[in-house]
């Protein structure tokens, strides 16, 4: 099972950055041992700056708001809201 989550919003020099990442973990019994694994991989990087919000794929290609929302509904709005909260 895997899920997409928006990571911590970090701020530097007037920009805010967060990663949308897919993570998952699992375990199973093999003979008398438990084998476990986990993974976490970025699927988008969101950046908020003076010109608004932009998103990029891990390979550097641009992602539209619609493409980001297709990955995780309302994540764009969550990121925008968290950025506004840091202005106070």
C-alpha atoms as a PDB file:
ATOM      1  CA  UNK A   1       0.000   0.000   0.000  1.00  0.00           C
ATOM      2  CA  UNK A   2       1.282   3.488  -0.793  1.00  0.00           C
ATOM      3  CA  UNK A   3       0.012   6.971  -0.156  1.00  0.00           C
ATOM      4  CA  UNK A   4       0.827  10.486  -1.308  1.00  0.00           C
ATOM      5  CA  UNK A   5       1.572  13.123   1.304  1.00  0.00           C
ATOM      6  CA  UNK A   6       2.705  16.726   1.228  1.00  0.00           C
ATOM      7  CA  UNK A   7       5.878  17.130   3.242  1.00  0.00           C
ATOM      8  CA  UNK A   8       6.869  19.932   5.565  1.00  0.00           C
ATOM      9  CA  UNK A   9       6.840  23.383   3.969  1.00  0.00           C
ATOM     10  CA  UNK A  10      10.315  24.934   4.183  1.00  0.00           C
ATOM     11  CA  UNK A  11      11.023  28.633   3.745  1.00  0.00           C
ATOM     12  CA  UNK A  12      14.173  30.306   2.416  1.00  0.00           C
ATOM     13  CA  UNK A  13      14.795  33.768   0.954  1.00  0.00           C
ATOM     14  CA  UNK A  14      11.140  34.495   0.249  1.00  0.00           C
ATOM     15  CA  UNK A  15      10.372  31.107  -1.306  1.00  0.00           C
ATOM     16  CA  UNK A  16       8.462  28.175   0.143  1.00  0.00           C
ATOM     17  CA  UNK A  17       9.142  24.614  -0.954  1.00  0.00           C
ATOM     18  CA  UNK A  18       7.506  21.265  -0.223  1.00  0.00           C
ATOM     19  CA  UNK A  19       7.652  17.818  -1.765  1.00  0.00           C
ATOM     20  CA  UNK A  20       4.684  15.656  -2.608  1.00  0.00           C
ATOM     21  CA  UNK A  21       5.933  12.125  -2.018  1.00  0.00           C
ATOM     22  CA  UNK A  22       4.655   8.584  -2.399  1.00  0.00           C
ATOM     23  CA  UNK A  23       5.552   6.344   0.502  1.00  0.00           C
ATOM     24  CA  UNK A  24       4.799   2.801   1.434  1.00  0.00           C
ATOM     25  CA  UNK A  25       5.844  -0.014   3.706  1.00  0.00           C
ATOM     26  CA  UNK A  26       5.170  -3.687   3.986  1.00  0.00           C
ATOM     27  CA  UNK A  27       6.140  -6.859   5.776  1.00  0.00           C
ATOM     28  CA  UNK A  28       5.648 -10.571   5.399  1.00  0.00           C
ATOM     29  CA  UNK A  29       6.679 -13.774   7.091  1.00  0.00           C
ATOM     30  CA  UNK A  30       9.284 -15.895   5.329  1.00  0.00           C
ATOM     31  CA  UNK A  31       9.778 -19.166   7.150  1.00  0.00           C
ATOM     32  CA  UNK A  32      10.350 -18.004  10.737  1.00  0.00           C
ATOM     33  CA  UNK A  33      11.547 -14.511   9.848  1.00  0.00           C
ATOM     34  CA  UNK A  34       9.795 -11.252   9.165  1.00  0.00           C
ATOM     35  CA  UNK A  35      10.906  -9.409   6.064  1.00  0.00           C
ATOM     36  CA  UNK A  36      10.060  -5.727   5.896  1.00  0.00           C
ATOM     37  CA  UNK A  37      10.597  -2.926   3.414  1.00  0.00           C
ATOM     38  CA  UNK A  38       9.786   0.706   2.917  1.00  0.00           C
ATOM     39  CA  UNK A  39      10.165   3.399   0.287  1.00  0.00           C
ATOM     40  CA  UNK A  40       9.616   7.093  -0.180  1.00  0.00           C
ATOM     41  CA  UNK A  41       9.921   8.832  -3.533  1.00  0.00           C
ATOM     42  CA  UNK A  42       9.131  12.380  -4.611  1.00  0.00           C
ATOM     43  CA  UNK A  43       6.457  12.786  -7.281  1.00  0.00           C
ATOM     44  CA  UNK A  44       6.317  16.614  -7.327  1.00  0.00           C
ATOM     45  CA  UNK A  45       8.094  19.617  -5.878  1.00  0.00           C
ATOM     46  CA  UNK A  46       5.932  22.677  -5.169  1.00  0.00           C
ATOM     47  CA  UNK A  47       7.518  26.127  -4.948  1.00  0.00           C
ATOM     48  CA  UNK A  48       5.750  29.343  -3.907  1.00  0.00           C
ATOM     49  CA  UNK A  49       7.449  32.643  -4.635  1.00  0.00           C
ATOM     50  CA  UNK A  50       6.684  36.206  -5.645  1.00  0.00           C
ATOM     51  CA  UNK A  51       5.168  35.029  -8.958  1.00  0.00           C
ATOM     52  CA  UNK A  52       2.853  32.415  -7.385  1.00  0.00           C
ATOM     53  CA  UNK A  53       3.057  28.652  -7.153  1.00  0.00           C
ATOM     54  CA  UNK A  54       4.934  26.417  -9.577  1.00  0.00           C
ATOM     55  CA  UNK A  55       5.302  22.642  -9.576  1.00  0.00           C
ATOM     56  CA  UNK A  56       7.949  20.378 -11.022  1.00  0.00           C
ATOM     57  CA  UNK A  57       8.387  16.655 -11.577  1.00  0.00           C
ATOM     58  CA  UNK A  58      11.481  14.993 -10.090  1.00  0.00           C
ATOM     59  CA  UNK A  59      13.111  15.095 -13.559  1.00  0.00           C
ATOM     60  CA  UNK A  60      12.725  18.906 -13.633  1.00  0.00           C
ATOM     61  CA  UNK A  61       9.790  19.085 -16.027  1.00  0.00           C
ATOM     62  CA  UNK A  62       6.979  21.519 -15.248  1.00  0.00           C
ATOM     63  CA  UNK A  63       3.694  20.230 -13.843  1.00  0.00           C
ATOM     64  CA  UNK A  64       0.399  22.082 -14.179  1.00  0.00           C
ATOM     65  CA  UNK A  65      -1.984  22.577 -11.293  1.00  0.00           C
ATOM     66  CA  UNK A  66      -4.319  20.034 -12.928  1.00  0.00           C
ATOM     67  CA  UNK A  67      -1.524  17.448 -13.121  1.00  0.00           C
ATOM     68  CA  UNK A  68      -0.670  17.949  -9.436  1.00  0.00           C
ATOM     69  CA  UNK A  69      -4.349  17.772  -8.443  1.00  0.00           C
ATOM     70  CA  UNK A  70      -4.689  14.531 -10.451  1.00  0.00           C
ATOM     71  CA  UNK A  71      -1.956  13.035  -8.260  1.00  0.00           C
ATOM     72  CA  UNK A  72      -3.462  14.271  -4.979  1.00  0.00           C
ATOM     73  CA  UNK A  73      -6.742  16.220  -4.942  1.00  0.00           C
ATOM     74  CA  UNK A  74      -6.555  19.605  -3.169  1.00  0.00           C
ATOM     75  CA  UNK A  75      -2.809  19.361  -2.478  1.00  0.00           C
ATOM     76  CA  UNK A  76      -2.277  22.627  -4.405  1.00  0.00           C
ATOM     77  CA  UNK A  77      -4.758  24.364  -2.105  1.00  0.00           C
ATOM     78  CA  UNK A  78      -3.180  22.801   0.986  1.00  0.00           C
ATOM     79  CA  UNK A  79       0.225  24.083  -0.094  1.00  0.00           C
ATOM     80  CA  UNK A  80      -1.148  27.550  -0.857  1.00  0.00           C
ATOM     81  CA  UNK A  81      -2.913  27.680   2.516  1.00  0.00           C
ATOM     82  CA  UNK A  82       0.188  26.591   4.450  1.00  0.00           C
ATOM     83  CA  UNK A  83       2.229  29.276   2.684  1.00  0.00           C
ATOM     84  CA  UNK A  84      -0.289  31.978   3.620  1.00  0.00           C
ATOM     85  CA  UNK A  85      -0.196  30.862   7.237  1.00  0.00           C
ATOM     86  CA  UNK A  86       3.543  31.519   7.401  1.00  0.00           C
ATOM     87  CA  UNK A  87       3.139  35.198   6.430  1.00  0.00           C
ATOM     88  CA  UNK A  88       1.610  36.100   9.779  1.00  0.00           C
END
